[in-house]
């Protein structure tokens, strides 16, 4: 295990519209360095997440549908190879193949990255945040309509929509489940309200917060340390839109939650990952999931006060829930949401790009120095 957390310097080059970060920089380190500027790196909202792991696995964030994944904005990276040589990988020169693999191939597969340089995006224009919670009714219709909202505005809106219970415990009824969405509109309040009109008119929200602000204010608004406690998860992708049958299955399994001390807030989430992400060809980078509009995530979560039997029931529920949802999902998974129980994990994470990734791994690490449970060397 190589700890690079102390290497957290962030350097801005406004003239070239680039930013170079050391390998230990977190999302919050980048935000601290850039928040007084009109530039940003499309990155995640979890402040403690390392930017290195984020970009190497692709990099979802609320700017993804508008500006692409974090890895789509990577200009170059310095990496120490297994032969102890420090090289610069970029989209030209001797290490083009390695640069391809480092954009979505996952961390720890080819060497130790020490720095990353990104092309910055312009965030000088205001954006509009929205955070909406509806009453516990019309769940299927609302969840479907929120997908239509995203699909009708593929590059100007980014949403994270989910269905959440209003309380902890078990024995949920439909009257306990509420639809909520958190999102970012790349434009002013008037335009945002027009775009949101169909879902706001469908059912009067129980609570809504819709405000125009600077991009960096919006990023701070969306910050999260979620999930709370300890957790296990499964991820998959949705091609165009989750079908009504898929939503019904999701609701059926949410109602089967076995209970615990926490309110299970992440039992069924759709992260929008279409728009600009889909404009990039599948084989242009190692990140292969350019055929999807959403990441679907399912979680179980517990705390130390939950007895081992409670945790066991939650994990059994999660495995059975995932199996029940598979007919409605693509056979793909997000490498940055790793899962030890992922069926056919190498193909799920890397899809059509697995063969090329294996060749690159053998070229740069023939003796498998970089080896772990779900490393490319083990595929």
Protein backbone atom coordinates (compact mmCIF):
# COMPACT_ATOMS: atom_id res chain seq x y z
CA UNK A 1 0.00 0.00 0.00
CA UNK A 2 1.48 3.34 -1.11
CA UNK A 3 0.12 6.34 0.80
CA UNK A 4 0.35 9.51 -1.29
CA UNK A 5 -2.09 11.62 0.73
CA UNK A 6 0.61 14.12 1.80
CA UNK A 7 1.26 14.86 -1.90
CA UNK A 8 -1.73 17.19 -2.22
CA UNK A 9 -0.45 20.29 -4.01
CA UNK A 10 -2.70 21.89 -6.64
CA UNK A 11 -1.23 24.30 -9.22
CA UNK A 12 -3.37 26.44 -11.52
CA UNK A 13 -2.13 27.70 -14.89
CA UNK A 14 -4.77 30.23 -15.95
CA UNK A 15 -2.86 31.12 -19.11
CA UNK A 16 -3.05 27.57 -20.46
CA UNK A 17 -6.38 26.81 -18.75
CA UNK A 18 -4.85 23.78 -17.05
CA UNK A 19 -4.49 22.53 -13.51
CA UNK A 20 -1.87 20.11 -12.17
CA UNK A 21 -2.52 18.17 -8.98
CA UNK A 22 -0.29 15.85 -7.00
CA UNK A 23 -1.56 12.31 -6.52
CA UNK A 24 -2.78 12.78 -2.97
CA UNK A 25 -5.06 15.73 -3.68
CA UNK A 26 -8.71 15.24 -2.78
CA UNK A 27 -11.82 16.71 -4.39
CA UNK A 28 -11.81 19.30 -1.60
CA UNK A 29 -8.17 20.19 -2.23
CA UNK A 30 -9.03 20.95 -5.85
CA UNK A 31 -12.08 22.96 -4.84
CA UNK A 32 -10.05 24.99 -2.35
CA UNK A 33 -7.53 25.87 -5.06
CA UNK A 34 -10.02 26.70 -7.81
CA UNK A 35 -13.09 28.11 -6.07
CA UNK A 36 -12.02 31.73 -6.46
CA UNK A 37 -11.53 31.31 -10.20
CA UNK A 38 -13.83 30.90 -13.19
CA UNK A 39 -12.45 27.42 -13.91
CA UNK A 40 -13.06 23.88 -12.71
CA UNK A 41 -12.12 20.27 -13.25
CA UNK A 42 -15.25 18.13 -13.75
CA UNK A 43 -14.95 16.03 -10.61
CA UNK A 44 -16.89 14.47 -7.77
CA UNK A 45 -18.78 16.06 -4.89
CA UNK A 46 -17.48 13.88 -2.04
CA UNK A 47 -14.81 16.08 -0.40
CA UNK A 48 -12.58 13.35 1.01
CA UNK A 49 -12.41 11.25 -2.18
CA UNK A 50 -8.97 11.23 -3.79
CA UNK A 51 -8.89 12.80 -7.24
CA UNK A 52 -6.41 10.14 -8.42
CA UNK A 53 -8.79 7.24 -7.84
CA UNK A 54 -11.64 9.29 -9.26
CA UNK A 55 -9.97 10.04 -12.59
CA UNK A 56 -8.34 6.63 -13.01
CA UNK A 57 -11.76 4.94 -12.77
CA UNK A 58 -13.52 7.42 -15.05
CA UNK A 59 -14.85 10.06 -12.70
CA UNK A 60 -18.55 10.80 -12.22
CA UNK A 61 -19.69 14.15 -10.93
CA UNK A 62 -22.53 16.62 -11.44
CA UNK A 63 -20.63 18.24 -14.32
CA UNK A 64 -20.26 14.97 -16.25
CA UNK A 65 -23.30 15.27 -18.52
CA UNK A 66 -22.26 18.84 -19.35
CA UNK A 67 -18.47 18.55 -19.65
CA UNK A 68 -17.58 14.84 -19.65
CA UNK A 69 -15.98 12.57 -17.10
CA UNK A 70 -12.95 13.58 -15.08
CA UNK A 71 -10.83 11.27 -17.26
CA UNK A 72 -12.16 12.94 -20.42
CA UNK A 73 -10.52 16.16 -19.24
CA UNK A 74 -7.17 14.59 -18.33
CA UNK A 75 -4.32 16.10 -20.36
CA UNK A 76 -1.40 14.07 -18.98
CA UNK A 77 -0.22 12.14 -15.93
CA UNK A 78 3.13 11.30 -14.37
CA UNK A 79 3.49 7.67 -13.30
CA UNK A 80 6.21 5.54 -11.76
CA UNK A 81 6.25 2.25 -13.66
CA UNK A 82 7.07 -1.15 -12.14
CA UNK A 83 10.62 -0.79 -13.52
CA UNK A 84 10.95 2.32 -11.26
CA UNK A 85 11.03 4.69 -14.23
CA UNK A 86 9.06 7.96 -13.93
CA UNK A 87 7.33 8.77 -17.23
CA UNK A 88 4.84 11.27 -18.57
CA UNK A 89 1.83 9.61 -20.20
CA UNK A 90 -0.17 11.75 -22.60
CA UNK A 91 -2.00 11.48 -25.89
CA UNK A 92 1.23 11.64 -27.89
CA UNK A 93 4.71 10.22 -27.67
CA UNK A 94 5.89 6.86 -26.38
CA UNK A 95 3.20 6.27 -23.78
CA UNK A 96 -0.02 6.92 -25.67
CA UNK A 97 -1.23 3.38 -25.01
CA UNK A 98 -0.60 3.77 -21.28
CA UNK A 99 -2.43 7.12 -21.26
CA UNK A 100 -5.40 5.41 -22.92
CA UNK A 101 -5.46 2.76 -20.17
CA UNK A 102 -5.16 5.29 -17.36
CA UNK A 103 -8.37 7.02 -18.44
CA UNK A 104 -10.88 4.63 -16.91
CA UNK A 105 -8.75 1.53 -16.38
CA UNK A 106 -8.91 1.84 -12.61
CA UNK A 107 -6.24 2.70 -10.05
CA UNK A 108 -3.24 0.56 -9.14
CA UNK A 109 -3.05 -1.46 -12.35
CA UNK A 110 -0.03 -0.02 -14.17
CA UNK A 111 2.12 1.81 -11.62
CA UNK A 112 2.00 4.66 -9.11
CA UNK A 113 0.60 7.90 -10.47
CA UNK A 114 2.26 10.93 -8.90
CA UNK A 115 0.60 13.86 -10.70
CA UNK A 116 -2.25 14.69 -13.09
CA UNK A 117 -2.74 17.67 -15.40
CA UNK A 118 -6.29 18.55 -16.48
CA UNK A 119 -7.80 20.83 -19.08
CA UNK A 120 -10.09 23.20 -17.19
CA UNK A 121 -13.67 24.01 -18.08
CA UNK A 122 -15.14 27.52 -17.97
CA UNK A 123 -17.57 27.93 -15.05
CA UNK A 124 -17.91 31.72 -15.19
CA UNK A 125 -21.66 31.53 -15.86
CA UNK A 126 -24.22 30.94 -13.14
CA UNK A 127 -25.90 27.60 -12.64
CA UNK A 128 -29.11 26.58 -10.86
CA UNK A 129 -29.27 23.94 -8.16
CA UNK A 130 -32.44 22.00 -7.39
CA UNK A 131 -33.19 19.74 -4.46
CA UNK A 132 -36.76 18.41 -4.51
CA UNK A 133 -38.66 15.95 -2.34
CA UNK A 134 -42.15 14.76 -3.23
CA UNK A 135 -44.88 13.27 -1.01
CA UNK A 136 -45.03 9.48 -0.72
CA UNK A 137 -47.26 8.81 -3.70
CA UNK A 138 -46.94 8.32 -7.50
CA UNK A 139 -43.43 6.95 -6.97
CA UNK A 140 -43.24 5.03 -10.24
CA UNK A 141 -44.58 7.90 -12.32
CA UNK A 142 -42.29 10.47 -10.71
CA UNK A 143 -39.18 8.30 -11.00
CA UNK A 144 -39.94 7.75 -14.68
CA UNK A 145 -40.62 11.45 -15.27
CA UNK A 146 -37.29 12.39 -13.69
CA UNK A 147 -35.54 10.18 -16.21
CA UNK A 148 -37.44 11.97 -19.00
CA UNK A 149 -36.34 15.30 -17.53
CA UNK A 150 -32.72 14.21 -17.82
CA UNK A 151 -33.12 12.74 -21.30
CA UNK A 152 -34.86 15.87 -22.59
CA UNK A 153 -31.95 18.05 -21.39
CA UNK A 154 -28.98 15.69 -21.77
CA UNK A 155 -26.15 18.23 -21.50
CA UNK A 156 -27.73 21.07 -19.52
CA UNK A 157 -29.06 19.05 -16.57
CA UNK A 158 -27.35 16.55 -14.27
CA UNK A 159 -29.48 14.63 -11.77
CA UNK A 160 -29.13 12.15 -8.95
CA UNK A 161 -32.59 10.72 -8.33
CA UNK A 162 -33.61 8.14 -5.76
CA UNK A 163 -36.44 6.68 -3.70
CA UNK A 164 -35.96 6.96 0.06
CA UNK A 165 -37.92 5.85 3.13
CA UNK A 166 -39.02 8.49 5.61
CA UNK A 167 -37.89 6.49 8.65
CA UNK A 168 -35.51 3.82 9.86
CA UNK A 169 -36.70 0.33 10.69
CA UNK A 170 -38.48 -2.21 8.56
CA UNK A 171 -41.97 -3.14 7.41
CA UNK A 172 -42.11 -0.30 4.89
CA UNK A 173 -45.30 0.53 3.01
CA UNK A 174 -45.54 2.60 -0.16
CA UNK A 175 -46.70 5.46 2.06
CA UNK A 176 -43.18 5.46 3.58
CA UNK A 177 -41.33 5.91 0.28
CA UNK A 178 -40.59 9.30 -1.26
CA UNK A 179 -39.01 10.29 -4.56
CA UNK A 180 -36.27 12.90 -4.42
CA UNK A 181 -33.86 14.45 -6.87
CA UNK A 182 -30.76 16.59 -6.47
CA UNK A 183 -29.39 18.26 -9.53
CA UNK A 184 -27.59 20.98 -11.39
CA UNK A 185 -28.88 23.01 -14.32
CA UNK A 186 -26.25 24.76 -16.41
CA UNK A 187 -28.13 28.00 -16.86
CA UNK A 188 -30.20 30.60 -15.05
CA UNK A 189 -33.22 30.18 -12.78
CA UNK A 190 -35.85 31.03 -15.40
CA UNK A 191 -34.51 28.41 -17.82
CA UNK A 192 -34.25 25.87 -15.02
CA UNK A 193 -37.84 26.43 -13.88
CA UNK A 194 -39.06 25.91 -17.43
CA UNK A 195 -37.12 22.65 -17.70
CA UNK A 196 -38.36 21.44 -14.31
CA UNK A 197 -41.98 22.40 -14.96
CA UNK A 198 -43.19 18.90 -15.97
CA UNK A 199 -42.03 17.24 -12.72
CA UNK A 200 -43.11 20.16 -10.53
CA UNK A 201 -46.60 20.13 -12.02
CA UNK A 202 -46.99 16.36 -11.82
CA UNK A 203 -47.20 16.47 -8.03
CA UNK A 204 -46.68 19.41 -5.69
CA UNK A 205 -43.37 18.84 -3.88
CA UNK A 206 -43.29 18.46 -0.13
CA UNK A 207 -40.07 20.45 -0.14
CA UNK A 208 -38.06 22.19 -2.84
CA UNK A 209 -34.96 24.35 -3.02
CA UNK A 210 -34.27 25.83 -6.46
CA UNK A 211 -31.71 28.63 -6.63
CA UNK A 212 -29.36 30.31 -9.09
CA UNK A 213 -25.76 30.71 -7.93
CA UNK A 214 -22.11 30.55 -8.92
CA UNK A 215 -20.81 27.14 -9.96
CA UNK A 216 -18.52 26.88 -6.93
CA UNK A 217 -21.36 27.79 -4.57
CA UNK A 218 -23.37 25.01 -6.18
CA UNK A 219 -20.52 22.58 -5.72
CA UNK A 220 -20.40 23.40 -2.01
CA UNK A 221 -24.18 22.99 -1.78
CA UNK A 222 -23.92 19.49 -3.22
CA UNK A 223 -21.05 18.35 -1.02
CA UNK A 224 -21.73 15.10 0.79
CA UNK A 225 -20.03 12.64 3.10
CA UNK A 226 -22.71 10.10 2.23
CA UNK A 227 -22.99 7.18 2.85
CA UNK A 228 -23.06 7.19 6.62
CA UNK A 229 -21.77 4.28 8.67
CA UNK A 230 -20.49 1.09 7.08
CA UNK A 231 -21.95 -0.11 3.82
CA UNK A 232 -21.98 -2.58 0.98
CA UNK A 233 -23.12 -1.78 -2.52
CA UNK A 234 -23.82 -2.99 -6.04
CA UNK A 235 -23.69 -0.93 -9.21
CA UNK A 236 -24.85 -1.38 -12.78
CA UNK A 237 -25.79 0.77 -15.75
CA UNK A 238 -29.08 1.67 -17.43
CA UNK A 239 -28.92 2.02 -21.20
CA UNK A 240 -31.60 4.57 -22.09
CA UNK A 241 -34.17 4.58 -19.28
CA UNK A 242 -35.20 2.19 -16.51
CA UNK A 243 -38.48 0.59 -17.57
CA UNK A 244 -41.67 0.73 -15.47
CA UNK A 245 -41.13 -2.96 -14.77
CA UNK A 246 -37.64 -2.21 -13.50
CA UNK A 247 -38.92 0.56 -11.23
CA UNK A 248 -41.63 -1.76 -9.92
CA UNK A 249 -39.01 -4.38 -9.10
CA UNK A 250 -36.88 -1.78 -7.35
CA UNK A 251 -39.85 -0.66 -5.24
CA UNK A 252 -40.70 -4.25 -4.40
CA UNK A 253 -37.21 -4.83 -3.00
CA UNK A 254 -37.04 -1.52 -1.16
CA UNK A 255 -40.19 -2.62 0.67
CA UNK A 256 -38.33 -5.80 1.67
CA UNK A 257 -35.56 -3.92 3.51
CA UNK A 258 -34.68 -6.09 6.54
CA UNK A 259 -34.03 -3.17 8.87
CA UNK A 260 -31.17 -1.56 10.75
CA UNK A 261 -30.30 1.47 12.83
CA UNK A 262 -29.89 3.84 9.86
CA UNK A 263 -32.43 5.24 7.43
CA UNK A 264 -31.36 3.43 4.23
CA UNK A 265 -31.13 6.44 1.94
CA UNK A 266 -29.35 4.77 -1.00
CA UNK A 267 -31.37 1.67 -1.80
CA UNK A 268 -32.09 2.79 -5.35
CA UNK A 269 -30.21 5.66 -7.02
CA UNK A 270 -29.87 6.81 -10.63
CA UNK A 271 -26.80 8.96 -11.37
CA UNK A 272 -27.06 10.65 -14.77
CA UNK A 273 -24.02 9.78 -16.88
CA UNK A 274 -25.18 10.39 -20.44
CA UNK A 275 -24.93 13.68 -22.35
CA UNK A 276 -21.31 14.61 -23.09
CA UNK A 277 -20.08 11.31 -21.66
CA UNK A 278 -21.84 9.49 -24.50
CA UNK A 279 -20.30 11.75 -27.13
CA UNK A 280 -16.95 10.01 -26.61
CA UNK A 281 -16.55 6.69 -28.52
CA UNK A 282 -16.36 3.53 -26.40
CA UNK A 283 -12.82 2.76 -27.54
CA UNK A 284 -11.45 6.31 -27.22
CA UNK A 285 -10.52 5.75 -23.56
CA UNK A 286 -10.43 2.72 -21.27
CA UNK A 287 -13.75 3.77 -19.69
CA UNK A 288 -16.20 1.60 -21.67
CA UNK A 289 -19.67 2.57 -20.46
CA UNK A 290 -20.46 5.15 -23.14
CA UNK A 291 -23.64 3.25 -24.01
CA UNK A 292 -25.49 4.22 -20.82
CA UNK A 293 -27.48 7.16 -19.51
CA UNK A 294 -27.38 6.21 -15.83
CA UNK A 295 -25.40 4.43 -13.15
CA UNK A 296 -27.78 2.50 -10.92
CA UNK A 297 -26.59 1.96 -7.36
CA UNK A 298 -28.01 -0.17 -4.53
CA UNK A 299 -26.67 0.01 -0.96
CA UNK A 300 -27.02 -1.60 2.44
CA UNK A 301 -25.76 0.43 5.42
CA UNK A 302 -25.27 -0.24 9.11
CA UNK A 303 -23.51 1.03 12.23
CA UNK A 304 -21.58 -0.67 15.08
CA UNK A 305 -24.76 -0.90 17.13
CA UNK A 306 -26.32 -3.23 14.54
CA UNK A 307 -25.89 -6.87 15.51
CA UNK A 308 -24.07 -9.27 13.14
CA UNK A 309 -27.38 -10.93 12.30
CA UNK A 310 -28.77 -7.59 11.11
CA UNK A 311 -25.73 -7.03 8.89
CA UNK A 312 -26.00 -10.57 7.50
CA UNK A 313 -29.68 -10.05 6.60
CA UNK A 314 -28.87 -6.74 4.92
CA UNK A 315 -26.13 -8.29 2.81
CA UNK A 316 -28.37 -11.20 1.81
CA UNK A 317 -31.07 -8.70 0.88
CA UNK A 318 -28.60 -6.70 -1.22
CA UNK A 319 -27.40 -9.78 -3.13
CA UNK A 320 -30.95 -10.95 -3.84
CA UNK A 321 -32.07 -7.43 -4.78
CA UNK A 322 -29.21 -7.10 -7.25
CA UNK A 323 -30.05 -10.45 -8.86
CA UNK A 324 -33.69 -9.42 -9.19
CA UNK A 325 -32.70 -6.16 -10.91
CA UNK A 326 -30.23 -7.64 -13.39
CA UNK A 327 -32.81 -8.24 -16.17
CA UNK A 328 -33.46 -4.50 -16.26
CA UNK A 329 -29.81 -3.41 -16.28
CA UNK A 330 -26.79 -3.63 -18.54
CA UNK A 331 -24.24 -6.32 -17.52
CA UNK A 332 -21.78 -3.57 -16.60
CA UNK A 333 -20.48 -2.05 -13.35
CA UNK A 334 -18.61 1.10 -12.37
CA UNK A 335 -15.03 0.33 -11.30
CA UNK A 336 -15.14 3.19 -8.77
CA UNK A 337 -18.01 1.38 -7.02
CA UNK A 338 -16.11 -1.92 -6.64
CA UNK A 339 -17.81 -5.05 -5.38
CA UNK A 340 -16.05 -8.27 -4.42
CA UNK A 341 -19.13 -10.29 -5.39
CA UNK A 342 -19.48 -8.71 -8.84
CA UNK A 343 -20.33 -11.47 -11.36
CA UNK A 344 -17.86 -11.65 -14.25
CA UNK A 345 -16.17 -8.58 -12.77
CA UNK A 346 -13.51 -7.96 -15.42
CA UNK A 347 -16.03 -7.77 -18.25
CA UNK A 348 -18.49 -5.84 -16.08
CA UNK A 349 -15.90 -3.16 -15.30
CA UNK A 350 -14.10 -3.00 -18.64
CA UNK A 351 -16.40 -4.42 -21.32
CA UNK A 352 -15.02 -4.30 -24.85
CA UNK A 353 -11.84 -2.63 -23.64
CA UNK A 354 -10.69 -5.51 -21.43
CA UNK A 355 -8.50 -7.15 -24.10
CA UNK A 356 -6.51 -4.00 -24.80
CA UNK A 357 -6.16 -3.27 -21.08
CA UNK A 358 -4.71 -6.74 -20.48
CA UNK A 359 -2.19 -6.20 -23.27
CA UNK A 360 -1.11 -2.86 -21.79
CA UNK A 361 -0.81 -4.38 -18.33
CA UNK A 362 1.41 -7.18 -19.65
CA UNK A 363 3.57 -4.66 -21.50
CA UNK A 364 4.25 -2.40 -18.53
CA UNK A 365 4.00 -4.90 -15.66
CA UNK A 366 4.94 -8.31 -17.06
CA UNK A 367 5.86 -9.66 -13.63
CA UNK A 368 2.56 -8.58 -12.04
CA UNK A 369 4.01 -6.37 -9.35
CA UNK A 370 0.69 -4.53 -9.22
CA UNK A 371 -1.68 -7.28 -8.28
CA UNK A 372 -4.80 -7.27 -6.14
CA UNK A 373 -8.12 -9.09 -6.00
CA UNK A 374 -9.72 -7.37 -8.98
CA UNK A 375 -6.65 -6.04 -10.76
CA UNK A 376 -6.35 -6.30 -14.55
CA UNK A 377 -3.44 -8.70 -14.02
CA UNK A 378 -5.94 -11.13 -12.44
CA UNK A 379 -8.53 -10.87 -15.23
